[in-house]
């Protein structure tokens, strides 16, 4: 069946052109941004930690890309598909590794520092375990390897799993049994080992009985002599010279040559097949995808993540002229990989009002900046326009006007891109604010978990007074820092969520121009402001977040339209002691 591998490669590498476009907003939107916006305008910078392939922020003798692949394997390796009959836990890619760093099986600083990096991107919409999986896609791609299909939806563990990570001193029988427990055959074991060990090597400070200190540069011996993702691990093993420290040298004399034991367990059949670069890539795509999709049965993984052709970004509504109109602004992200930015004449927005009627005059945009990932380019088009508050806006579509061929309309799979300025209801419901912070963990000795807990605090907002047609509600909470803090405002079944507390201190209230942020299908509009006299550099000093939201009495905006608008006003100041 090995002759099928080249065909498999073609199918996987070209699948993007046949994939259905996601509908916005989606549960994987945060992951999609981190995955594809590597550099440039509005980039997330995740790939910068492994670019170039040889790079590590921790200096010589380290390769972050290899450590990211290693981290995923160590996280997955305690999987037990027979967990139900044993009364054990299933495991898989679940970030339980964060609680297993003291087990004696997870040696080396790369596992810890990888999790520290992932913790920077961790939030309520992006799990550590999804970041562990994304690290495989990113590390492999940064080193010239193929794109490993990526899904989202993994669930983070809250405690350590069982022991069971394969160790160099294990015999082939134990290796085979361990991989069988994970759900993999002997052929899978060989492929996963080769695909994992095409990157990285062995450090003498972790395994001085495999790499003798002082014998190689930076006391770090590469598996195959290269830092790139290639099939040298196979060709050197078969044709020589084999320099793999887990195959030859000291490890052989000390019976810790685990790669040799694994590779030779099928009489080298798999490694000989992997000498073909196309076969090598195809086998690695398959086995590494299976590795990162080894999850607890309760985890419902998404479809394979593809970049949006069109994706809204940073949408904002701003109340103007004492409530007579809104300013609608933001960016439209256009994928310009196949269709180049130079082939786009303009990008226009066609929107519907709150009654569903299409407004004839389109909103014009202008190019704001460009971003790129490993395989895709993106161009952002910004816009800013006024919309009457009585008719408002409910959704929009995007037209890409070509310089040569016909125009193309993107309507979000027929649903249009939703945007809302207010909650429409006749019943006033309680208003709450929820603040989610990253709190360091203390579990683990001597190495505590590098992954923080997400801790949410709920504040019931109380009625404060009247401002024009609005009834004001307010609430406040003190946090240690604004870094990484998200907050939500909730009223009944409506909410506006995932707001960044760091943005509050950078926005000042301007007379007659009040920013009202609207996030995707947000049901809240809000005003926010900060007192410039209390701004400071927020370090470890406590910070107060105060939020004021308003609900007017139900009023008739137009025939058969009753509105209950929400006006939201966060403020920030340093706590006084």
Protein backbone atom coordinates (compact mmCIF):
# COMPACT_ATOMS: atom_id res chain seq x y z
CA UNK A 1 0.00 0.00 0.00
CA UNK A 2 3.01 2.33 0.16
CA UNK A 3 2.53 3.39 -3.46
CA UNK A 4 -0.52 5.40 -2.33
CA UNK A 5 1.54 7.92 -0.33
CA UNK A 6 2.31 10.31 -3.26
CA UNK A 7 -1.39 10.49 -4.10
CA UNK A 8 -2.19 11.23 -0.47
CA UNK A 9 0.27 14.12 -0.53
CA UNK A 10 -1.45 15.67 -3.54
CA UNK A 11 -4.87 15.33 -1.95
CA UNK A 12 -3.82 16.98 1.31
CA UNK A 13 -1.75 19.76 -0.20
CA UNK A 14 -4.52 20.77 -2.59
CA UNK A 15 -7.46 20.30 -0.22
CA UNK A 16 -7.58 24.02 0.60
CA UNK A 17 -8.98 24.82 -2.82
CA UNK A 18 -11.96 22.55 -2.17
CA UNK A 19 -12.66 23.38 1.47
CA UNK A 20 -15.87 25.18 2.37
CA UNK A 21 -15.42 28.66 3.73
CA UNK A 22 -16.12 29.05 7.46
CA UNK A 23 -19.05 31.19 8.56
CA UNK A 24 -18.11 34.21 10.66
CA UNK A 25 -18.13 34.48 13.62
CA UNK A 26 -16.84 31.03 14.53
CA UNK A 27 -15.47 29.34 17.63
CA UNK A 28 -12.09 29.00 15.90
CA UNK A 29 -11.71 32.70 14.98
CA UNK A 30 -9.07 33.40 17.62
CA UNK A 31 -7.12 30.27 16.64
CA UNK A 32 -7.40 31.17 12.95
CA UNK A 33 -5.87 34.60 13.57
CA UNK A 34 -2.98 33.18 15.61
CA UNK A 35 -2.41 30.47 13.01
CA UNK A 36 -2.33 32.60 9.87
CA UNK A 37 -1.34 36.16 10.83
CA UNK A 38 2.36 35.57 11.34
CA UNK A 39 3.77 38.99 10.50
CA UNK A 40 2.72 42.41 9.30
CA UNK A 41 -0.42 44.44 9.92
CA UNK A 42 -2.44 43.15 12.89
CA UNK A 43 -0.20 40.07 13.11
CA UNK A 44 -0.32 37.87 16.20
CA UNK A 45 3.36 36.91 16.12
CA UNK A 46 3.03 33.25 17.12
CA UNK A 47 5.37 32.05 14.37
CA UNK A 48 8.03 34.61 15.34
CA UNK A 49 9.10 32.29 18.17
CA UNK A 50 10.21 29.64 15.65
CA UNK A 51 11.34 31.83 12.75
CA UNK A 52 13.86 31.23 11.32
CA UNK A 53 13.85 27.47 11.79
CA UNK A 54 17.05 27.49 13.86
CA UNK A 55 15.84 30.24 16.21
CA UNK A 56 15.25 30.09 19.94
CA UNK A 57 14.83 33.11 22.16
CA UNK A 58 16.81 31.14 24.75
CA UNK A 59 20.05 31.23 22.79
CA UNK A 60 22.51 28.78 21.17
CA UNK A 61 21.95 25.06 21.45
CA UNK A 62 18.18 25.43 21.40
CA UNK A 63 15.69 25.08 18.54
CA UNK A 64 12.18 26.17 19.49
CA UNK A 65 10.56 24.54 16.44
CA UNK A 66 11.89 21.12 17.47
CA UNK A 67 10.87 21.74 21.08
CA UNK A 68 7.31 22.53 20.00
CA UNK A 69 7.02 19.19 18.18
CA UNK A 70 8.58 17.42 21.17
CA UNK A 71 6.13 19.13 23.53
CA UNK A 72 3.15 17.80 21.58
CA UNK A 73 4.51 14.25 21.59
CA UNK A 74 5.19 14.29 25.33
CA UNK A 75 1.70 15.66 25.96
CA UNK A 76 0.10 12.96 23.80
CA UNK A 77 2.33 10.05 24.84
CA UNK A 78 0.43 9.16 28.02
CA UNK A 79 -2.75 8.44 26.03
CA UNK A 80 -4.50 5.24 27.05
CA UNK A 81 -7.19 4.09 24.63
CA UNK A 82 -8.02 1.27 27.05
CA UNK A 83 -8.74 3.73 29.85
CA UNK A 84 -12.33 2.63 30.42
CA UNK A 85 -11.42 -0.97 31.21
CA UNK A 86 -8.57 0.19 33.45
CA UNK A 87 -10.49 2.89 35.27
CA UNK A 88 -7.80 5.31 34.10
CA UNK A 89 -7.89 8.52 32.05
CA UNK A 90 -7.75 8.77 28.27
CA UNK A 91 -5.23 11.58 27.94
CA UNK A 92 -4.16 12.84 24.52
CA UNK A 93 -3.33 16.38 23.48
CA UNK A 94 -4.83 18.02 26.56
CA UNK A 95 -1.98 20.11 28.03
CA UNK A 96 -1.72 17.77 31.03
CA UNK A 97 2.02 18.05 30.38
CA UNK A 98 1.90 21.35 32.28
CA UNK A 99 1.32 19.29 35.46
CA UNK A 100 3.77 16.50 34.56
CA UNK A 101 7.07 18.38 34.35
CA UNK A 102 8.30 16.82 37.61
CA UNK A 103 7.51 13.23 36.64
CA UNK A 104 11.07 12.32 35.62
CA UNK A 105 9.83 11.40 32.13
CA UNK A 106 9.72 14.96 30.79
CA UNK A 107 13.35 16.02 30.93
CA UNK A 108 14.71 19.21 29.39
CA UNK A 109 13.90 22.90 29.62
CA UNK A 110 12.32 22.99 26.14
CA UNK A 111 9.06 21.50 27.39
CA UNK A 112 8.74 24.15 30.09
CA UNK A 113 9.67 27.12 27.89
CA UNK A 114 7.33 25.97 25.12
CA UNK A 115 4.42 26.04 27.56
CA UNK A 116 5.53 29.46 28.81
CA UNK A 117 5.31 30.74 25.23
CA UNK A 118 1.88 29.18 24.71
CA UNK A 119 0.65 30.78 27.93
CA UNK A 120 1.13 34.20 26.33
CA UNK A 121 -1.56 33.35 23.76
CA UNK A 122 -3.82 31.37 26.10
CA UNK A 123 -7.26 32.85 26.76
CA UNK A 124 -10.90 31.88 27.11
CA UNK A 125 -11.19 31.32 23.36
CA UNK A 126 -7.89 29.55 22.75
CA UNK A 127 -6.94 26.56 24.89
CA UNK A 128 -3.39 25.57 25.75
CA UNK A 129 -4.00 22.18 24.16
CA UNK A 130 -5.01 23.82 20.86
CA UNK A 131 -1.80 25.85 21.09
CA UNK A 132 0.20 22.65 21.71
CA UNK A 133 -1.28 21.23 18.51
CA UNK A 134 -0.74 24.50 16.64
CA UNK A 135 2.90 24.34 17.71
CA UNK A 136 3.33 21.24 15.54
CA UNK A 137 1.85 22.94 12.47
CA UNK A 138 3.94 26.06 13.10
CA UNK A 139 7.21 24.34 13.99
CA UNK A 140 7.10 21.99 11.00
CA UNK A 141 6.10 24.72 8.57
CA UNK A 142 8.75 27.14 9.88
CA UNK A 143 11.39 24.55 9.04
CA UNK A 144 10.24 24.00 5.47
CA UNK A 145 8.03 21.00 6.17
CA UNK A 146 4.50 20.41 4.88
CA UNK A 147 1.38 22.00 6.36
CA UNK A 148 -0.09 19.66 8.97
CA UNK A 149 -3.92 19.92 8.89
CA UNK A 150 -5.11 21.70 12.02
CA UNK A 151 -8.42 21.57 13.89
CA UNK A 152 -9.56 23.38 17.03
CA UNK A 153 -11.66 22.39 20.01
CA UNK A 154 -9.31 20.54 22.37
CA UNK A 155 -10.11 20.54 26.07
CA UNK A 156 -7.43 21.35 28.64
CA UNK A 157 -6.75 18.94 31.48
CA UNK A 158 -6.78 20.29 35.02
CA UNK A 159 -4.36 17.79 36.54
CA UNK A 160 -1.55 15.42 35.62
CA UNK A 161 -2.20 12.24 33.71
CA UNK A 162 -0.52 8.85 34.26
CA UNK A 163 3.11 8.04 33.53
CA UNK A 164 4.04 6.49 30.20
CA UNK A 165 6.27 8.70 28.00
CA UNK A 166 8.72 6.40 26.12
CA UNK A 167 12.30 6.62 27.43
CA UNK A 168 15.59 5.89 25.60
CA UNK A 169 16.40 2.87 27.77
CA UNK A 170 13.17 1.04 26.94
CA UNK A 171 13.36 -2.11 24.86
CA UNK A 172 11.52 -2.56 21.57
CA UNK A 173 8.85 -4.67 23.23
CA UNK A 174 8.05 -1.90 25.69
CA UNK A 175 8.09 0.72 22.93
CA UNK A 176 5.64 -1.33 20.86
CA UNK A 177 3.31 -1.79 23.83
CA UNK A 178 3.45 1.90 24.73
CA UNK A 179 2.50 2.99 21.22
CA UNK A 180 -0.23 0.37 21.11
CA UNK A 181 -1.63 1.90 24.31
CA UNK A 182 -1.65 5.27 22.53
CA UNK A 183 -3.55 3.74 19.60
CA UNK A 184 -0.67 3.31 17.14
CA UNK A 185 0.77 0.33 15.26
CA UNK A 186 4.45 -0.56 14.85
CA UNK A 187 4.51 1.18 11.45
CA UNK A 188 2.96 4.27 13.08
CA UNK A 189 5.60 4.17 15.82
CA UNK A 190 8.41 4.17 13.27
CA UNK A 191 6.88 6.99 11.20
CA UNK A 192 6.13 9.17 14.23
CA UNK A 193 9.66 8.75 15.57
CA UNK A 194 11.26 9.60 12.22
CA UNK A 195 8.97 12.59 11.60
CA UNK A 196 9.58 13.89 15.11
CA UNK A 197 13.33 13.40 14.99
CA UNK A 198 13.90 15.12 11.66
CA UNK A 199 13.99 18.21 13.89
CA UNK A 200 16.10 18.75 16.98
CA UNK A 201 18.57 16.57 18.81
CA UNK A 202 19.84 15.60 22.26
CA UNK A 203 21.30 17.94 24.91
CA UNK A 204 24.11 16.68 27.10
CA UNK A 205 22.79 18.59 30.11
CA UNK A 206 19.67 16.41 29.95
CA UNK A 207 21.26 13.15 28.77
CA UNK A 208 24.98 13.17 29.50
CA UNK A 209 25.03 9.39 29.10
CA UNK A 210 23.98 9.82 25.45
CA UNK A 211 25.82 13.02 24.46
CA UNK A 212 29.09 13.42 26.34
CA UNK A 213 29.56 17.03 27.52
CA UNK A 214 32.17 18.98 25.58
CA UNK A 215 32.12 16.73 22.51
CA UNK A 216 29.75 18.77 20.30
CA UNK A 217 29.03 22.46 19.82
CA UNK A 218 26.78 23.90 22.54
CA UNK A 219 26.60 20.34 23.94
CA UNK A 220 23.77 19.73 21.48
CA UNK A 221 23.87 16.85 18.96
CA UNK A 222 21.39 17.06 16.08
CA UNK A 223 19.58 13.87 15.10
CA UNK A 224 20.41 14.10 11.39
CA UNK A 225 22.90 16.96 11.07
CA UNK A 226 20.32 19.47 9.77
CA UNK A 227 17.87 21.81 11.47
CA UNK A 228 15.36 21.70 8.60
CA UNK A 229 12.38 19.41 8.22
CA UNK A 230 13.71 16.91 5.67
CA UNK A 231 14.20 13.19 5.20
CA UNK A 232 17.86 13.15 6.20
CA UNK A 233 16.85 11.19 9.29
CA UNK A 234 15.97 8.33 6.90
CA UNK A 235 18.68 8.69 4.24
CA UNK A 236 21.50 8.95 6.79
CA UNK A 237 20.15 5.96 8.70
CA UNK A 238 20.01 3.79 5.56
CA UNK A 239 22.98 5.08 3.54
CA UNK A 240 25.11 6.70 6.23
CA UNK A 241 26.84 8.36 7.77
CA UNK A 242 24.37 7.97 10.63
CA UNK A 243 25.07 10.55 13.35
CA UNK A 244 21.80 10.16 15.27
CA UNK A 245 22.76 10.11 18.97
CA UNK A 246 19.84 7.76 19.64
CA UNK A 247 21.07 5.34 17.00
CA UNK A 248 24.87 5.22 17.15
CA UNK A 249 27.73 6.17 19.45
CA UNK A 250 27.51 6.25 23.22
CA UNK A 251 23.81 5.35 23.25
CA UNK A 252 24.52 2.05 21.50
CA UNK A 253 27.12 1.02 24.07
CA UNK A 254 24.78 1.96 26.92
CA UNK A 255 21.73 0.33 25.33
CA UNK A 256 19.89 3.60 24.95
CA UNK A 257 19.88 3.64 21.13
CA UNK A 258 16.09 3.83 21.01
CA UNK A 259 15.82 5.19 17.45
CA UNK A 260 17.81 2.26 16.09
CA UNK A 261 15.59 -0.19 17.94
CA UNK A 262 12.45 1.47 16.59
CA UNK A 263 13.67 1.95 13.00
CA UNK A 264 15.02 -1.58 12.65
CA UNK A 265 11.95 -3.27 14.13
CA UNK A 266 10.44 -3.83 10.65
CA UNK A 267 13.79 -4.64 9.01
CA UNK A 268 14.10 -0.99 7.89
CA UNK A 269 11.16 -1.22 5.46
CA UNK A 270 9.57 2.05 6.61
CA UNK A 271 12.81 4.03 6.71
CA UNK A 272 13.71 2.84 3.20
CA UNK A 273 10.34 4.08 1.94
CA UNK A 274 10.91 7.42 3.67
CA UNK A 275 14.07 7.97 1.65
CA UNK A 276 11.71 9.30 -1.01
CA UNK A 277 11.07 12.96 -0.03
CA UNK A 278 7.48 12.92 -1.29
CA UNK A 279 6.70 9.76 0.64
CA UNK A 280 8.40 11.17 3.72
CA UNK A 281 6.27 14.33 3.66
CA UNK A 282 3.07 12.39 3.04
CA UNK A 283 3.73 9.96 5.88
CA UNK A 284 4.61 12.82 8.22
CA UNK A 285 1.46 14.76 7.32
CA UNK A 286 -0.62 11.70 8.13
CA UNK A 287 1.05 10.63 11.37
CA UNK A 288 1.53 14.13 12.82
CA UNK A 289 -2.08 15.02 12.08
CA UNK A 290 -3.18 11.85 13.84
CA UNK A 291 -0.90 12.70 16.75
CA UNK A 292 -2.38 16.17 17.33
CA UNK A 293 -5.89 14.80 16.84
CA UNK A 294 -5.40 12.21 19.57
CA UNK A 295 -7.78 13.77 22.09
CA UNK A 296 -10.26 12.78 24.76
CA UNK A 297 -13.45 11.34 23.20
CA UNK A 298 -15.48 14.22 24.65
CA UNK A 299 -13.51 16.80 22.65
CA UNK A 300 -15.40 17.79 19.49
CA UNK A 301 -12.78 18.94 17.02
CA UNK A 302 -13.66 21.50 14.37
CA UNK A 303 -13.33 21.08 10.64
CA UNK A 304 -9.82 21.53 9.29
CA UNK A 305 -9.04 25.22 9.66
CA UNK A 306 -8.68 27.15 6.44
CA UNK A 307 -8.13 30.90 6.20
CA UNK A 308 -11.16 33.07 5.58
CA UNK A 309 -11.28 34.64 2.14
CA UNK A 310 -12.97 37.61 3.81
CA UNK A 311 -12.89 38.29 7.55
CA UNK A 312 -14.02 41.41 9.45
CA UNK A 313 -11.58 42.77 12.01
CA UNK A 314 -11.87 45.36 14.76
CA UNK A 315 -15.43 46.42 14.01
CA UNK A 316 -16.53 49.46 15.97
CA UNK A 317 -19.61 51.64 16.25
CA UNK A 318 -19.21 55.20 17.53
CA UNK A 319 -22.16 57.25 18.74
CA UNK A 320 -22.13 60.73 17.18
CA UNK A 321 -24.00 64.00 17.64
CA UNK A 322 -25.89 63.16 20.81
CA UNK A 323 -27.27 59.95 19.42
CA UNK A 324 -28.35 61.03 15.93
CA UNK A 325 -25.96 58.72 14.08
CA UNK A 326 -23.25 56.08 14.39
CA UNK A 327 -19.78 56.03 12.95
CA UNK A 328 -19.14 52.49 11.69
CA UNK A 329 -15.45 51.61 11.32
CA UNK A 330 -13.04 48.70 11.19
CA UNK A 331 -11.07 46.56 8.75
CA UNK A 332 -11.93 43.94 6.18
CA UNK A 333 -9.25 41.27 5.85
CA UNK A 334 -8.99 39.93 2.30
CA UNK A 335 -6.95 36.84 1.48
CA UNK A 336 -4.60 37.85 -1.34
CA UNK A 337 -2.73 34.60 -1.90
CA UNK A 338 -4.12 33.58 -5.28
CA UNK A 339 -5.85 36.85 -6.10
CA UNK A 340 -3.12 39.44 -5.59
CA UNK A 341 -3.73 42.80 -3.95
CA UNK A 342 -2.66 44.46 -7.19
CA UNK A 343 -5.62 42.78 -8.91
CA UNK A 344 -8.11 44.40 -6.52
CA UNK A 345 -9.53 47.72 -7.66
CA UNK A 346 -11.51 48.33 -4.48
CA UNK A 347 -13.31 46.65 -1.61
CA UNK A 348 -16.86 47.78 -0.85
CA UNK A 349 -19.31 47.06 1.97
CA UNK A 350 -23.02 46.67 1.29
CA UNK A 351 -25.13 46.68 4.46
CA UNK A 352 -28.66 46.06 5.67
CA UNK A 353 -30.46 48.25 8.18
CA UNK A 354 -32.14 46.94 11.33
CA UNK A 355 -35.27 46.07 9.36
CA UNK A 356 -33.31 43.98 6.86
CA UNK A 357 -33.49 46.47 3.98
CA UNK A 358 -30.34 46.79 1.88
CA UNK A 359 -28.89 50.30 1.76
CA UNK A 360 -28.10 51.19 -1.83
CA UNK A 361 -24.91 53.23 -1.36
CA UNK A 362 -21.93 50.96 -0.58
CA UNK A 363 -19.29 51.86 2.00
CA UNK A 364 -15.89 52.48 0.42
CA UNK A 365 -12.64 51.24 1.97
CA UNK A 366 -8.96 51.96 1.57
CA UNK A 367 -5.94 49.70 1.90
CA UNK A 368 -4.56 49.85 5.45
CA UNK A 369 -1.81 47.22 5.57
CA UNK A 370 -0.66 43.72 4.71
CA UNK A 371 0.03 40.57 6.70
CA UNK A 372 1.29 37.13 5.84
CA UNK A 373 1.58 33.61 7.14
CA UNK A 374 3.58 30.65 5.88
CA UNK A 375 1.37 30.04 2.85
CA UNK A 376 -1.01 32.97 2.67
CA UNK A 377 -1.01 36.71 2.18
CA UNK A 378 -3.66 39.08 3.49
CA UNK A 379 -4.52 42.70 2.76
CA UNK A 380 -6.57 44.78 5.18
CA UNK A 381 -8.96 47.45 3.95
CA UNK A 382 -10.12 50.02 6.50
CA UNK A 383 -13.37 51.96 6.45
CA UNK A 384 -15.15 54.68 8.37
CA UNK A 385 -18.65 55.96 7.63
CA UNK A 386 -21.69 57.50 9.36
CA UNK A 387 -24.96 55.59 9.68
CA UNK A 388 -28.27 57.11 10.90
CA UNK A 389 -29.16 55.71 14.30
CA UNK A 390 -32.85 55.27 13.46
CA UNK A 391 -32.13 52.87 10.60
CA UNK A 392 -28.81 51.61 12.02
CA UNK A 393 -27.17 48.41 10.71
CA UNK A 394 -27.78 44.69 11.17
CA UNK A 395 -25.42 42.93 8.74
CA UNK A 396 -23.24 43.46 5.71
CA UNK A 397 -21.67 41.78 2.69
CA UNK A 398 -18.34 42.55 1.04
CA UNK A 399 -17.72 43.11 -2.67
CA UNK A 400 -14.21 42.73 -4.05
CA UNK A 401 -13.96 44.77 -7.24
CA UNK A 402 -11.39 43.36 -9.65
CA UNK A 403 -9.16 45.47 -11.88
CA UNK A 404 -9.65 43.02 -14.74
CA UNK A 405 -12.29 40.33 -14.21
CA UNK A 406 -15.75 40.45 -12.64
CA UNK A 407 -16.60 41.51 -9.11
CA UNK A 408 -17.02 38.92 -6.36
CA UNK A 409 -19.51 39.25 -3.51
CA UNK A 410 -18.87 37.57 -0.15
CA UNK A 411 -22.04 37.17 1.92
CA UNK A 412 -20.72 34.92 4.73
CA UNK A 413 -22.25 31.75 3.28
CA UNK A 414 -25.56 33.49 2.72
CA UNK A 415 -25.85 34.71 6.30
CA UNK A 416 -24.17 38.11 5.79
CA UNK A 417 -21.71 39.36 8.41
CA UNK A 418 -23.72 40.22 11.55
CA UNK A 419 -23.32 43.48 13.45
CA UNK A 420 -25.67 44.88 16.09
CA UNK A 421 -25.87 48.22 17.84
CA UNK A 422 -28.21 47.27 20.66
CA UNK A 423 -30.40 44.78 22.46
CA UNK A 424 -33.99 44.87 21.23
CA UNK A 425 -36.31 43.91 24.08
CA UNK A 426 -39.24 45.14 26.13
CA UNK A 427 -37.91 43.65 29.37
CA UNK A 428 -35.07 45.14 31.39
CA UNK A 429 -32.83 42.33 32.62
CA UNK A 430 -30.02 42.47 35.20
CA UNK A 431 -26.68 43.58 33.82
CA UNK A 432 -23.46 41.82 34.87
CA UNK A 433 -19.80 42.29 34.12
CA UNK A 434 -17.46 39.30 34.08
CA UNK A 435 -13.69 39.83 34.28
CA UNK A 436 -11.36 36.96 33.36
CA UNK A 437 -7.74 37.09 34.52
CA UNK A 438 -4.71 34.82 34.17
CA UNK A 439 -3.67 33.75 37.67
CA UNK A 440 -0.33 31.91 38.14
CA UNK A 441 -0.57 28.36 39.43
CA UNK A 442 1.34 26.98 42.40
CA UNK A 443 0.87 23.29 41.60
CA UNK A 444 4.02 21.28 41.02
CA UNK A 445 7.39 21.01 42.77
CA UNK A 446 10.11 21.90 42.09
CA UNK A 447 8.69 23.14 38.76
CA UNK A 448 5.22 24.67 39.05
CA UNK A 449 2.89 24.60 36.09
CA UNK A 450 3.84 27.39 33.66
CA UNK A 451 0.24 27.64 32.48
CA UNK A 452 -1.94 30.07 34.45
CA UNK A 453 -5.51 29.49 35.50
CA UNK A 454 -8.31 31.52 33.96
CA UNK A 455 -10.27 32.96 36.87
CA UNK A 456 -13.49 34.89 36.27
CA UNK A 457 -15.08 37.38 38.62
CA UNK A 458 -18.72 38.37 38.17
CA UNK A 459 -19.90 41.83 39.18
CA UNK A 460 -23.60 42.66 39.37
CA UNK A 461 -24.07 46.18 38.06
CA UNK A 462 -26.35 48.52 39.98
CA UNK A 463 -28.54 51.39 38.80
CA UNK A 464 -26.81 54.74 39.26
CA UNK A 465 -28.94 57.41 37.63
CA UNK A 466 -30.22 58.92 34.41
CA UNK A 467 -28.32 60.36 31.46
CA UNK A 468 -30.69 61.64 28.80
CA UNK A 469 -32.83 58.68 27.72
CA UNK A 470 -30.51 56.21 29.45
CA UNK A 471 -30.66 54.60 32.87
CA UNK A 472 -27.10 54.08 34.08
CA UNK A 473 -25.81 50.88 35.67
CA UNK A 474 -22.29 50.59 37.04
CA UNK A 475 -19.91 48.04 38.49
CA UNK A 476 -16.20 47.85 39.24
CA UNK A 477 -13.50 45.35 40.10
CA UNK A 478 -9.82 45.57 41.03
CA UNK A 479 -7.26 43.53 39.10
CA UNK A 480 -3.51 43.16 39.55
CA UNK A 481 -2.72 44.12 35.95
CA UNK A 482 -4.52 44.70 32.66
CA UNK A 483 -2.20 42.34 30.75
CA UNK A 484 -4.16 39.42 29.31
CA UNK A 485 -7.39 40.45 31.05
CA UNK A 486 -10.66 40.04 29.17
CA UNK A 487 -14.06 41.29 30.22
CA UNK A 488 -17.65 40.64 29.18
CA UNK A 489 -20.90 42.51 29.74
CA UNK A 490 -23.98 40.32 29.99
CA UNK A 491 -27.70 41.01 30.16
CA UNK A 492 -29.97 37.98 29.97
CA UNK A 493 -29.22 35.97 26.85
CA UNK A 494 -27.31 38.86 25.30
CA UNK A 495 -23.64 39.54 25.83
CA UNK A 496 -20.70 41.38 24.41
CA UNK A 497 -17.65 39.33 25.17
CA UNK A 498 -13.90 38.96 24.93
CA UNK A 499 -12.99 42.62 25.35
CA UNK A 500 -9.38 43.50 26.05
CA UNK A 501 -8.80 45.43 29.28
CA UNK A 502 -5.47 46.73 27.96
CA UNK A 503 -7.36 48.83 25.43
CA UNK A 504 -9.25 50.79 28.06
CA UNK A 505 -6.34 52.91 29.22
CA UNK A 506 -5.52 54.03 25.70
CA UNK A 507 -8.89 55.52 24.80
CA UNK A 508 -10.08 58.91 25.94
CA UNK A 509 -13.59 60.25 25.75
CA UNK A 510 -13.99 62.96 23.12
CA UNK A 511 -17.00 65.29 23.30
CA UNK A 512 -19.79 64.28 20.91
CA UNK A 513 -17.84 61.22 19.71
CA UNK A 514 -18.31 58.15 21.85
CA UNK A 515 -16.76 54.82 20.75
CA UNK A 516 -19.19 51.94 20.82
CA UNK A 517 -17.40 48.68 20.17
CA UNK A 518 -19.40 45.95 18.48
CA UNK A 519 -17.98 42.46 18.29
CA UNK A 520 -19.40 40.21 15.55
CA UNK A 521 -23.02 39.50 16.48
CA UNK A 522 -22.67 41.65 19.58
CA UNK A 523 -25.85 42.77 21.26
CA UNK A 524 -24.27 45.63 23.15
CA UNK A 525 -23.14 49.06 22.15
CA UNK A 526 -20.97 50.89 24.59
CA UNK A 527 -19.16 54.07 25.37
CA UNK A 528 -15.83 53.82 27.10
CA UNK A 529 -13.47 56.46 28.41
CA UNK A 530 -10.48 56.94 30.63
CA UNK A 531 -9.33 59.79 32.79
CA UNK A 532 -5.97 60.88 31.37
CA UNK A 533 -4.97 62.29 34.75
CA UNK A 534 -4.94 58.79 36.24
CA UNK A 535 -3.11 56.98 33.45
CA UNK A 536 0.03 55.13 34.46
CA UNK A 537 2.19 52.24 33.37
CA UNK A 538 0.34 49.28 34.77
CA UNK A 539 2.88 46.95 36.26
CA UNK A 540 2.20 45.10 39.47
CA UNK A 541 0.09 47.95 40.85
CA UNK A 542 -3.60 47.09 41.24
CA UNK A 543 -5.90 48.61 38.64
CA UNK A 544 -9.60 49.42 38.93
CA UNK A 545 -11.89 48.60 36.03
CA UNK A 546 -15.18 50.43 36.28
CA UNK A 547 -17.98 49.82 33.82
CA UNK A 548 -21.16 51.80 33.42
CA UNK A 549 -23.93 50.47 31.21
CA UNK A 550 -27.26 52.07 30.48
CA UNK A 551 -30.73 50.91 29.54
CA UNK A 552 -33.31 53.45 28.40
CA UNK A 553 -37.01 53.00 28.84
CA UNK A 554 -38.53 51.21 25.85
CA UNK A 555 -39.15 53.85 23.21
CA UNK A 556 -40.54 53.83 19.73
CA UNK A 557 -37.80 54.48 17.21
CA UNK A 558 -40.03 53.95 14.22
CA UNK A 559 -43.33 52.21 13.52
CA UNK A 560 -43.33 48.61 14.84
CA UNK A 561 -39.80 48.95 16.21
CA UNK A 562 -39.23 49.05 19.95
CA UNK A 563 -35.64 49.61 21.08
CA UNK A 564 -33.88 48.96 24.34
CA UNK A 565 -30.39 50.29 23.69
CA UNK A 566 -27.41 49.44 25.83
CA UNK A 567 -24.86 52.14 26.51
CA UNK A 568 -21.66 50.83 28.06
CA UNK A 569 -18.99 53.00 29.64
CA UNK A 570 -15.86 51.35 31.08
CA UNK A 571 -13.31 53.51 32.86
CA UNK A 572 -9.95 52.67 34.33
CA UNK A 573 -7.81 54.18 37.05
CA UNK A 574 -5.04 53.03 39.32
CA UNK A 575 -6.20 52.02 42.76
CA UNK A 576 -5.60 54.58 45.47
CA UNK A 577 -4.02 53.28 48.65
